[in-house]
Each structure stands twice: as structure tokens, then as C-alpha cells.
C-alpha atoms as a PDB file:
ATOM      1  CA  MET A   1      20.060 -11.976   9.477  1.00  0.00           C
ATOM      2  CA  ALA A   2      21.220 -13.665   6.283  1.00  0.00           C
ATOM      3  CA  VAL A   3      17.727 -13.540   4.797  1.00  0.00           C
ATOM      4  CA  ALA A   4      17.584  -9.748   5.204  1.00  0.00           C
ATOM      5  CA  VAL A   5      20.993  -9.394   3.548  1.00  0.00           C
ATOM      6  CA  ALA A   6      19.883 -11.687   0.719  1.00  0.00           C
ATOM      7  CA  SER A   7      16.824  -9.521   0.130  1.00  0.00           C
ATOM      8  CA  ALA A   8      18.924  -6.364   0.013  1.00  0.00           C
ATOM      9  CA  VAL A   9      21.505  -7.905  -2.316  1.00  0.00           C
ATOM     10  CA  LEU A  10      18.802  -9.203  -4.642  1.00  0.00           C
ATOM     11  CA  MET A  11      17.197  -5.755  -4.788  1.00  0.00           C
ATOM     12  CA  VAL A  12      20.520  -4.054  -5.487  1.00  0.00           C
ATOM     13  CA  THR A  13      21.283  -6.433  -8.324  1.00  0.00           C
ATOM     14  CA  ALA A  14      17.875  -5.720  -9.895  1.00  0.00           C
ATOM     15  CA  SER A  15      19.217  -2.564 -11.470  1.00  0.00           C
ATOM     16  CA  GLU A  16      20.123  -1.124 -14.818  1.00  0.00           C
ATOM     17  CA  CYS A  17      17.039  -2.213 -16.648  1.00  0.00           C
ATOM     18  CA  THR A  18      16.225  -0.363 -19.872  1.00  0.00           C
ATOM     19  CA  VAL A  19      12.534   0.019 -20.642  1.00  0.00           C
ATOM     20  CA  PHE A  20      11.656   0.002 -24.346  1.00  0.00           C
ATOM     21  CA  LEU A  21       8.158   1.286 -25.018  1.00  0.00           C
ATOM     22  CA  TYR A  22       5.919  -0.345 -27.583  1.00  0.00           C
ATOM     23  CA  TYR A  23       4.574   2.945 -28.875  1.00  0.00           C
ATOM     24  CA  GLY A  24       8.078   4.154 -29.792  1.00  0.00           C
ATOM     25  CA  GLY A  25       8.826   6.411 -26.865  1.00  0.00           C
ATOM     26  CA  PRO A  26      12.382   6.959 -25.760  1.00  0.00           C
ATOM     27  CA  PRO A  27      14.042   4.149 -23.787  1.00  0.00           C
ATOM     28  CA  HIS A  28      14.418   4.773 -20.091  1.00  0.00           C
ATOM     29  CA  THR A  29      16.882   3.077 -17.738  1.00  0.00           C
ATOM     30  CA  ILE A  30      15.497   2.240 -14.308  1.00  0.00           C
ATOM     31  CA  THR A  31      17.133   0.905 -11.188  1.00  0.00           C
ATOM     32  CA  TYR A  32      15.941   0.129  -7.694  1.00  0.00           C
ATOM     33  CA  ARG A  33      17.139   3.674  -6.897  1.00  0.00           C
ATOM     34  CA  SER A  34      14.363   5.001  -9.152  1.00  0.00           C
ATOM     35  CA  PHE A  35      11.880   4.009  -6.420  1.00  0.00           C
ATOM     36  CA  GLY A  36      12.241   5.425  -2.908  1.00  0.00           C
ATOM     37  CA  PRO A  37      10.637   2.466  -1.108  1.00  0.00           C
ATOM     38  CA  PHE A  38      13.129   0.094  -2.712  1.00  0.00           C
ATOM     39  CA  VAL A  39      16.043   2.223  -1.502  1.00  0.00           C
ATOM     40  CA  TYR A  40      14.461   2.134   1.955  1.00  0.00           C
ATOM     41  CA  LEU A  41      14.094  -1.649   1.711  1.00  0.00           C
ATOM     42  CA  VAL A  42      17.818  -2.057   0.928  1.00  0.00           C
ATOM     43  CA  ALA A  43      18.929   0.311   3.693  1.00  0.00           C
ATOM     44  CA  ALA A  44      16.507  -1.095   6.263  1.00  0.00           C
ATOM     45  CA  ASN A  45      17.532  -4.681   5.521  1.00  0.00           C
ATOM     46  CA  PHE A  46      21.229  -3.878   5.917  1.00  0.00           C
ATOM     47  CA  VAL A  47      20.587  -1.879   9.129  1.00  0.00           C
ATOM     48  CA  ALA A  48      18.310  -4.637  10.490  1.00  0.00           C
ATOM     49  CA  ALA A  49      20.950  -7.266   9.778  1.00  0.00           C
ATOM     50  CA  SER A  50      23.566  -5.189  11.588  1.00  0.00           C
ATOM     51  CA  LEU A  51      21.290  -4.641  14.557  1.00  0.00           C
ATOM     52  CA  GLU A  52      20.450  -8.326  14.684  1.00  0.00           C
ATOM     53  CA  GLY A  53      24.151  -9.109  14.732  1.00  0.00           C
ATOM     54  CA  ILE A  54      24.552  -6.804  17.688  1.00  0.00           C
ATOM     55  CA  ALA A  55      21.634  -8.479  19.434  1.00  0.00           C
ATOM     56  CA  ILE A  56      23.129 -11.928  18.853  1.00  0.00           C
ATOM     57  CA  PHE A  57      26.451 -10.726  20.226  1.00  0.00           C
ATOM     58  CA  LEU A  58      24.785  -9.251  23.331  1.00  0.00           C
ATOM     59  CA  SER A  59      22.830 -12.474  23.853  1.00  0.00           C
ATOM     60  CA  ILE A  60      25.831 -14.780  23.821  1.00  0.00           C
ATOM     61  CA  CYS A  61      28.538 -12.469  25.146  1.00  0.00           C
ATOM     62  CA  SER A  62      29.548 -13.773  28.574  1.00  0.00           C
ATOM     63  CA  ILE A  63      31.095 -10.450  29.571  1.00  0.00           C
ATOM     64  CA  CYS A  64      27.811  -8.648  28.979  1.00  0.00           C
ATOM     65  CA  LYS A  65      25.996 -10.931  31.398  1.00  0.00           C
ATOM     66  CA  LYS A  66      28.126 -10.037  34.423  1.00  0.00           C
ATOM     67  CA  GLY A  67      27.882  -6.952  36.596  1.00  0.00           C
ATOM     68  CA  LYS A  68      27.513  -3.528  35.019  1.00  0.00           C
ATOM     69  CA  GLU A  69      28.011  -4.861  31.480  1.00  0.00           C
ATOM     70  CA  GLY A  70      24.913  -7.010  31.956  1.00  0.00           C
ATOM     71  CA  GLN A  71      22.851  -3.855  32.281  1.00  0.00           C
ATOM     72  CA  THR A  72      23.732  -2.843  28.757  1.00  0.00           C
ATOM     73  CA  ALA A  73      22.400  -6.118  27.388  1.00  0.00           C
ATOM     74  CA  LYS A  74      19.241  -5.845  29.521  1.00  0.00           C
ATOM     75  CA  VAL A  75      18.528  -2.408  28.139  1.00  0.00           C
ATOM     76  CA  MET A  76      19.630  -2.941  24.534  1.00  0.00           C
ATOM     77  CA  LEU A  77      18.075  -6.343  23.787  1.00  0.00           C
ATOM     78  CA  PRO A  78      14.438  -5.284  24.224  1.00  0.00           C
ATOM     79  CA  LEU A  79      15.106  -2.168  22.102  1.00  0.00           C
ATOM     80  CA  LEU A  80      16.694  -4.264  19.369  1.00  0.00           C
ATOM     81  CA  ASP A  81      13.874  -6.805  19.649  1.00  0.00           C
ATOM     82  CA  VAL A  82      11.479  -4.016  18.739  1.00  0.00           C
ATOM     83  CA  ALA A  83      13.609  -2.071  16.247  1.00  0.00           C
ATOM     84  CA  VAL A  84      14.604  -4.916  13.949  1.00  0.00           C
ATOM     85  CA  PRO A  85      11.114  -6.210  13.116  1.00  0.00           C
ATOM     86  CA  ALA A  86       9.809  -2.643  12.899  1.00  0.00           C
ATOM     87  CA  LEU A  87      12.431  -1.761  10.300  1.00  0.00           C
ATOM     88  CA  LEU A  88      11.845  -4.945   8.305  1.00  0.00           C
ATOM     89  CA  TYR A  89       8.061  -4.766   8.343  1.00  0.00           C
ATOM     90  CA  SER A  90       7.884  -1.041   7.519  1.00  0.00           C
ATOM     91  CA  ALA A  91      10.375  -1.354   4.654  1.00  0.00           C
ATOM     92  CA  THR A  92       8.682  -4.447   3.301  1.00  0.00           C
ATOM     93  CA  GLY A  93       5.254  -2.769   3.502  1.00  0.00           C
ATOM     94  CA  ALA A  94       6.553   0.304   1.676  1.00  0.00           C
ATOM     95  CA  ALA A  95       8.145  -1.893  -1.023  1.00  0.00           C
ATOM     96  CA  PHE A  96       4.944  -3.905  -1.466  1.00  0.00           C
ATOM     97  CA  ALA A  97       2.959  -0.675  -1.828  1.00  0.00           C
ATOM     98  CA  ALA A  98       5.350   0.647  -4.494  1.00  0.00           C
ATOM     99  CA  GLY A  99       5.803  -2.749  -6.125  1.00  0.00           C
ATOM    100  CA  GLU A 100       2.104  -3.099  -6.848  1.00  0.00           C
ATOM    101  CA  TYR A 101       2.233  -0.370  -9.487  1.00  0.00           C
ATOM    102  CA  LEU A 102       5.840  -0.005 -10.637  1.00  0.00           C
ATOM    103  CA  SER A 103       5.728   3.074 -12.822  1.00  0.00           C
ATOM    104  CA  TYR A 104       7.646   6.248 -13.537  1.00  0.00           C
ATOM    105  CA  CYS A 105       6.921   9.597 -15.135  1.00  0.00           C
ATOM    106  CA  GLU A 106       8.361  10.450 -18.535  1.00  0.00           C
ATOM    107  CA  PRO A 107       9.616  14.004 -19.199  1.00  0.00           C
ATOM    108  CA  ASN A 108       6.269  14.722 -20.960  1.00  0.00           C
ATOM    109  CA  ASN A 109       4.434  13.821 -17.691  1.00  0.00           C
ATOM    110  CA  ARG A 110       3.130  10.532 -19.078  1.00  0.00           C
ATOM    111  CA  ARG A 111       3.076   7.720 -16.440  1.00  0.00           C
ATOM    112  CA  ILE A 112       4.599   4.501 -17.723  1.00  0.00           C
ATOM    113  CA  SER A 113       4.150   1.155 -16.000  1.00  0.00           C
ATOM    114  CA  VAL A 114       7.491  -0.647 -15.716  1.00  0.00           C
ATOM    115  CA  CYS A 115       6.037  -4.142 -15.413  1.00  0.00           C
ATOM    116  CA  GLY A 116       2.921  -3.518 -17.450  1.00  0.00           C
ATOM    117  CA  SER A 117       2.171  -4.146 -21.081  1.00  0.00           C
ATOM    118  CA  ALA A 118       3.388  -0.760 -22.301  1.00  0.00           C
ATOM    119  CA  ALA A 119       7.001  -1.624 -21.557  1.00  0.00           C
ATOM    120  CA  SER A 120       9.257  -4.487 -22.588  1.00  0.00           C
ATOM    121  CA  GLY A 121      12.615  -5.699 -21.364  1.00  0.00           C
ATOM    122  CA  THR A 122      11.757  -5.404 -17.678  1.00  0.00           C
ATOM    123  CA  GLY A 123      10.864  -8.992 -16.847  1.00  0.00           C
ATOM    124  CA  ASN A 124      14.030  -9.798 -14.904  1.00  0.00           C
ATOM    125  CA  PHE A 125      13.928  -6.484 -13.040  1.00  0.00           C
ATOM    126  CA  CYS A 126      10.300  -6.978 -12.023  1.00  0.00           C
ATOM    127  CA  ASN A 127      10.864 -10.581 -11.001  1.00  0.00           C
ATOM    128  CA  GLN A 128      13.902  -9.726  -8.850  1.00  0.00           C
ATOM    129  CA  VAL A 129      12.099  -6.826  -7.174  1.00  0.00           C
ATOM    130  CA  HIS A 130       9.124  -8.990  -6.279  1.00  0.00           C
ATOM    131  CA  ILE A 131      11.287 -11.872  -5.034  1.00  0.00           C
ATOM    132  CA  ALA A 132      13.326  -9.428  -2.930  1.00  0.00           C
ATOM    133  CA  MET A 133      10.119  -8.132  -1.349  1.00  0.00           C
ATOM    134  CA  TYR A 134       8.985 -11.634  -0.413  1.00  0.00           C
ATOM    135  CA  ILE A 135      12.401 -12.506   0.951  1.00  0.00           C
ATOM    136  CA  SER A 136      12.294  -9.354   3.096  1.00  0.00           C
ATOM    137  CA  LEU A 137       8.876 -10.376   4.410  1.00  0.00           C
ATOM    138  CA  THR A 138      10.319 -13.793   5.224  1.00  0.00           C
ATOM    139  CA  ALA A 139      13.184 -12.119   7.101  1.00  0.00           C
ATOM    140  CA  ALA A 140      10.730 -10.051   9.129  1.00  0.00           C
ATOM    141  CA  ALA A 141       8.708 -13.113  10.037  1.00  0.00           C
ATOM    142  CA  ALA A 142      11.832 -15.097  10.882  1.00  0.00           C
ATOM    143  CA  VAL A 143      13.148 -12.375  13.171  1.00  0.00           C
ATOM    144  CA  SER A 144       9.781 -12.086  14.877  1.00  0.00           C
ATOM    145  CA  ALA A 145       9.620 -15.842  15.422  1.00  0.00           C
ATOM    146  CA  ALA A 146      13.210 -15.890  16.723  1.00  0.00           C
ATOM    147  CA  ILE A 147      12.402 -13.143  19.221  1.00  0.00           C
ATOM    148  CA  VAL A 148       9.354 -15.039  20.477  1.00  0.00           C
ATOM    149  CA  VAL A 149      11.356 -18.269  20.821  1.00  0.00           C
ATOM    150  CA  HIS A 150      14.252 -16.467  22.506  1.00  0.00           C
ATOM    151  CA  ASN A 151      11.956 -14.879  25.084  1.00  0.00           C
ATOM    152  CA  TRP A 152       9.843 -17.985  25.735  1.00  0.00           C
ATOM    153  CA  PRO A 153       8.902 -18.930  28.399  1.00  0.00           C
ATOM    154  CA  PRO A 154       8.276 -15.573  30.013  1.00  0.00           C
ATOM    155  CA  SER A 155      10.718 -14.583  32.739  1.00  0.00           C
ATOM    156  CA  GLU A 156       9.984 -15.542  36.354  1.00  0.00           C
ATOM    157  CA  GLY A 157       9.385 -11.910  37.259  1.00  0.00           C
ATOM    158  CA  SER A 158       6.293 -11.756  35.060  1.00  0.00           C
ATOM    159  CA  LYS A 159       4.683 -14.951  36.403  1.00  0.00           C
ATOM    160  CA  ARG A 160       1.939 -14.429  38.939  1.00  0.00           C
ATOM    161  CA  SER A 161       0.035 -16.926  40.950  1.00  0.00           C
ATOM    162  CA  GLU A 162      -3.677 -17.472  40.671  1.00  0.00           C
ATOM    163  CA  SER A 163      -4.171 -15.832  44.066  1.00  0.00           C
ATOM    164  CA  ASP A 164      -2.499 -12.661  42.737  1.00  0.00           C
ATOM    165  CA  TRP A 165      -4.949 -12.570  39.837  1.00  0.00           C
ATOM    166  CA  LYS A 166      -7.919 -13.123  42.153  1.00  0.00           C
ATOM    167  CA  SER A 167      -6.823 -10.332  44.514  1.00  0.00           C
ATOM    168  CA  GLU A 168      -6.553  -7.889  41.594  1.00  0.00           C
ATOM    169  CA  ALA A 169      -9.909  -8.772  40.097  1.00  0.00           C
ATOM    170  CA  CYS A 170     -12.607  -6.168  40.200  1.00  0.00           C
ATOM    171  CA  HIS A 171     -15.080  -8.732  41.530  1.00  0.00           C
ATOM    172  CA  HIS A 172     -17.960  -7.965  39.236  1.00  0.00           C
ATOM    173  CA  GLY A 173     -17.750 -11.297  37.512  1.00  0.00           C
ATOM    174  CA  SER A 174     -16.260 -10.496  34.116  1.00  0.00           C
ATOM    175  CA  HIS A 175     -12.517 -10.692  34.863  1.00  0.00           C
ATOM    176  CA  SER A 176     -11.975 -12.973  37.814  1.00  0.00           C
ATOM    177  CA  LYS A 177     -11.804 -16.749  38.085  1.00  0.00           C
ATOM    178  CA  HIS A 178     -14.213 -18.165  40.702  1.00  0.00           C
END
């Protein structure tokens, strides 16, 4: 949860960078808001952190594990287990796609690379954006690993004996144990 927030905060602080062009073009101020995928990364990381906080609360809340309230946790936890990594991975993927070629269009329709050789003064912005993307990827991997660990070993309801597997086999040799 904290890693996702750190990624969002780092992205938000990577703003107000003025691009000075070597060929004498007008300076242009860019922010993370200049790139849609970065805005999505910030929003998705904050939403994912909030949802993960709710999931943690539902997991440890003793009231939610009794009676009718327990049903809410049983329904919500699997949904949150799917929603949080999906948000983080989709936002990180979009940011990586946009981060590969950070550029913008000038008023005269000329495309300028923000982190390329045609611009100067963007080193800190570019570094923070790339670090924020990697931190977001780390957050997605950490949440995925936490979900696997939390749900391991599988619940008793999903365990089946070897005889159950043999009785369900199609008996043409490729699926069953003999």
C-alpha cells in the first residue's frame, strides 16, 4: 500500500519542468498532467492503496468474520484481490508505454521529445517519472505476492482427494493418474 502511494507522490512531484529547446524554440512547461497515462498512474495508485486498506481492514476485522457481516468480507475480498493488481498493472503498463517516448506537440505541430537530445532541463523530471513507474511496478508485484501468500494454502473446500480426480477422468489416458 505504501509503495503505491510513494509511486503516486513521486509522480506528482515530478512536475513543473520547463523544456528549453536547443534550436531556439519557445520554452514549454510540462507536468505529469501533460501525459494522460501518468495521470492514470497517480489516480490508480491512490485508488489501489485505498482499496488495499479496505481489504486489510476486512481481513483483520473481527466483526466482519461473524454472522452476516462475514458475508461482506467473503464477497468483497476476492473482488479487491482482483481489482487492486488490475489497477496497478494497467496503470503501470500505460505509464511504461507513454514513458518510452516522452514527447509533446508544439503549437506548430512539431513533436518534441521531452527526454531526448532536442530538449534540456528535463533530467530530473524524466528520472522521477521513470523511478515512479518502477516503484508502481514493484507495488503491483508486492500486492500480487501478498494476495498469493494470504490465500495460501488453498481453502479446504477446494481440496479434492485422488479418488475424486480419478472418478472425473475421461479415461483415455491423457488426464488421469493410473
